[in-house]
Amino acid sequence: MFALTESMSYYLCPHYVDMRKGIYSLYQLVKTDMKRNPLSGEVFLFLGRNRSLIKILHWEDGGFVLYQKKLERGTFEVPRFNPSNNEFEMKWKTFVLIMEGVSVRSAKYRRRF
């Protein structure tokens, strides 16, 4: 069943991607640019230069799932990362905020026990 959940790890590609790329080209970007295993079950996010389109690549049992969301208006926000350590992992909360159009930079998380 198609599903993205909180228990998965999410990684954003460190650079903008040509949105004409399909599953196999994105697979290669994950291996070469992100240095991750595309078959790991992790979720990989790719943004185009104008940030109005996002592609999400995920391996499920037996095959890849490629999600795509195109905004009619506005852009997806790109969270800030430290490129020096080449880690572009994001939390589930950040992923959901970006997909819903909430500004990550101005969002304040309340402390929970």
Foldseek 3Di string as FASTA:
>chain_A
DDDDDQVAKEFEQPDADDVVDDDVVVCVCCCPRLVDHQQPQHKYWHAHPVQQKIWIWGHDVPGIDIDMDGHPDDHFDQDDDDPVVSGGIDGPVSVVCRVVVHDPVPDDDDDDD
